[in-house]
Structures are given as C-alpha cells and as structure tokens.
C-alpha cells in the first residue's frame, strides 16, 4: 500500500480533487516525501486558495528566489504563482514572461492553474478567466472545478445587449455543468461553485440566471433552491407576481370587445415581457430568464439533451377530431332524448337548462377527456421507452464494468465507479490509513493486473471515486509528478 500512495495522490490531483490529493500527499512516509512531492503540494495549495502556505512549503526546500526567465523550471513557476497570488506584482510579471517558453510542453495545461491563481491574486480577472477558459476549450480538461469556473466565465461574459447571444452563453454554461458525468441533483457543488464565482465577480444577476436555468430541468434540490432564494429579492418578486396576477385577472374584462380585446391583451403581454424587467435583473437578463421559463423537469429525458418537443398541438388535434366525429354526432340524439325525458316544450320550460347542460357537457367534456387521455398515453409511451433505454444503458455499463480498465485510466468516478468496484475489484484488507480521508475509504485489487485501487464512497454514485495505485512487484518505482521540466 505504501508504494500506491503517491499514485493515488497524483490521480486525485489530475481529477482536481485538491483537498483529497493534499491529504494523500500528507500521508506519505518520510522516505517518499521528496522535493517533487513538496512542489506538487505547493501547486495544490494554490488551487485551494492557500498561496502563503504554498510559498512556505517551497521555502522549506530552498526555493525562495526566482531565477532568470531562461533558467526557470517547474518549481520556480509554482513559487512565482504563489508569490503573485499573495499580491507580488513582480512575481506575476516574471510568471507571465515564462508562460510562452513552456507552452509546447506535453503538460502545458498545468500552467493555466498557476496563471489563474496568480492573476486572481493580483486582481487581473480577465487573465484568470482566460486561463480557466483555455483549460476547458483548448485542452479539454473537464472536471467539476474547471466546468464550474468555465461556466462562470461564459455567463459573466454574456452580451449585455444581445439577448440571443446571452441566452446561448447561459445555455452553454449549463450544458457544461451537465456534462461532468455526475447528475447535478446528486452533486450540486459544481453549480454552486459557479454561482459563487459569479457572485465574487459582482454578477449576482448572472448567478441567478445560472441557478434558474439549471433548476428548470432537474428534480427538486434543496441546496440549489436555497442558493437561488438567497439571491432573490423576495419582497420585490412578491410584488411583481402580484401585479402579474392582477393584470391577468383584469384581462377577461376586455372579452366583450371581441377580437380587439384579444389583441389588446396580446399587446400588453408582449410589452410587459419586453419592457418590464424581473426584479433584480436588467431588461436583457429578464428576457434571458423568460426564454428558459418554458422548460420544466421531465423525468423521461436527459437534461443534457435538447428539451423534448411540445406535443400539446397533437393532443389538441385529437380533442378537435373527437369533437367533430364523436361529441357533435352524439349531441343531437342525446339532447333529443334528454328533452323527451324532461317533457319537451319551449325555451321557457324548466327542463331546458338540463338540455343545454347536457349538450355543453358532451361538446366540452368529451374533447377535454380525449386531450387528457392522449397526453397520458403519450407519457406512458415515453416512460416505457425511457425504461427500456435505461435498462439497455445499465446492461452496457455492467458489461464494461466487468472488464479491466486499469491499463487505460488512473481514476474512475460516478455510477461506473460503483459498478467497477462491485463487478471487477476484489476487496482487500485495509490496514489503518495514516491520515483521515473524506468519505468512506477502502481498498480493492484488480484480478487482472494486480493494481491496488483506493475506493472512496463506493456505494454513492454521486460521490464514488476510485484511484488506481501501483501494481506488483512492491518495489515498483513511483510515478513522477508532471512538472514542465525542459
């Protein structure tokens, strides 16, 4: 297990599980805690917002001064980023001068973490945003941390004048949060981190938009609902909703005007949506908010897919056909029968309201019932298809989980991690771990390669994480951390 400890730490670092990686590095035996481990720890401390501690760790190993730019190595870059993150402008300029020199390195993507931390420390928000954007858009480093920061960057950069472009920006950010791999309702932390990042920029409206759109297509989540409620001006929103209700209650008073009344209602509705902002939002942001208001949670569709097409028109067609070919043909003989049973007579007869009521019941009730039946039947068909698709996906996942993936990946998370731990790994007796790890930790060994895996929360699909360790023999050399050495 001792030899696997560095591999677990590096695998956690690659997944942006910085707190976990720091805990794992902290549990290394003294003989393995060399200079490269100290540099990795310093880089991780930068990621979790502890630049002063990062500088102190490097100072313990003799890294206190920055060399000339053409002699810089990875530890010097980490030192410069740590110094810049605590406000050293000279160190920041030195770091940015070195960036171009290392851009062709195989792991040049690591530089963006340093640049983001350093730029944040010297209040250079545009450069920090560019670093996060580059990690996702250029290098494809998609983790809960990078997806959250990328989402915040995209939403914060939305066009304040172009509603369509702003809507696309918010939709792009939300799609990125859905593409992490773990459903948002199971792990809302990336979305909450993106909202906090927007608030830190002073973009409370952007945070509200992000939470609003995310919430439209997932089931109830207390954490997201609470975060959205904290950003909402409650009294102003209550007055806004009350005014909307009052206006809609007044709309029927225009019905006696016929078509003109309907046009007035339509014109007022359009003008309201265009010119009356939602409390706390600008007019363009209000338009973006309303653009997503038609979305709703659908348990039979994937939030990552486009919203399902509204089928209300087909339900209405079924109702219209039932009116023409069922209700109206039945109305005449039925009302005649009711008229006969009530004694017949002219319009002043007491039985005439019963006749009229019967006619209205047939002509309104039957189409309404057909509309509901058509909608329910369609939902049942979609539910059956969704169940089949889910079962097929589960069978595929189970078949893949039985195979060995140790030679392909260093870590696994989500539902596949749960299945891989159950279907493939053999439980391994776990001695007391030298440090406390978040979640429930255990060990599993691959029967094919003999690799020792660290399992964390292996029973919870929302938190499950597997980290691959070393393979026999026990004296296998530990992997070197990435470092941009040239």
Foldseek 3Di string as FASTA:
>chain_A
DLQFLQQQLQQCVLQVVLVQSLQSLVQHDPVPNDPLSLLVNLLSCLLVPNLVVSLVSVVVVPPDDADQLVPDWQSNLSNLLSVLLQPDPVSLVSNVVNLVVLCPPPVSLSSLSSQLSNCVSNVVVVRNLVSLCCSCVPVNSQHLQSLLSPLLSLQVPADPVDLVSNLVSLVVSLLSNCPNFFHCLLPVVSLVSSLVVNVVVVNLLSSLLNLLLNQAADDDHPVSVVVNVVSDPVVQQVVVVVVVVVLVVCLVVLCVVPPVSVVVSVVVVVCCLQPPARPPDDNSSRNSSVVSPPGHYDPLDRPSDPDDDDCLVVLLVQLVVCLVPPLVVVLVVVLVVQCVVQPHDDPPDPSNVVSVVSSCCSNPVSSVVSSVVVVVVVSVVSVVVSVVVVVVVVVVLLVVLLDDCLVPGFKDAAPSLLSVCVRFWDFDDDDDRSGDGPADWGWTAGPPQRWIKIWGPSVRRSGTMIGTTDGDDPPDHHDRRDISGD
